[in-house]
């Protein structure tokens, strides 16, 4: 039975800093997801731009803009709200990243994959 959740250490995820990447074999051999901390809360997404199916980070784990106010796709510059995944600027404006539900308790971040869809 496939694993339906990913558990990470809360201490490894810093506010508006590098995101933590993880494999999503349910979506394909090279598919990944990521989690970032924004305004104290963890937010996880499938690591795929809503414009074209490419990973967002230009350097592994770098998802935020220089100002740390948006997530950015390194390929075409689409800007996403870190807390919703909604695209507010760029070629996919109005679309959204695929959200992965997250819970955080007891110093652990749990990313729930049971509702993940291809």
Foldseek 3Di string as FASTA:
>chain_A
DDDFKDKDFLVVADELFFWDKDDDCVVPDRWIKTWHAYPRDIWIFTQQDPQHGDGQDPDHRQQADPVSQFGARPPFTFTAGNVWQATCDTDRHGDGTHTFDWDDDPRMIMTGRPPPDD
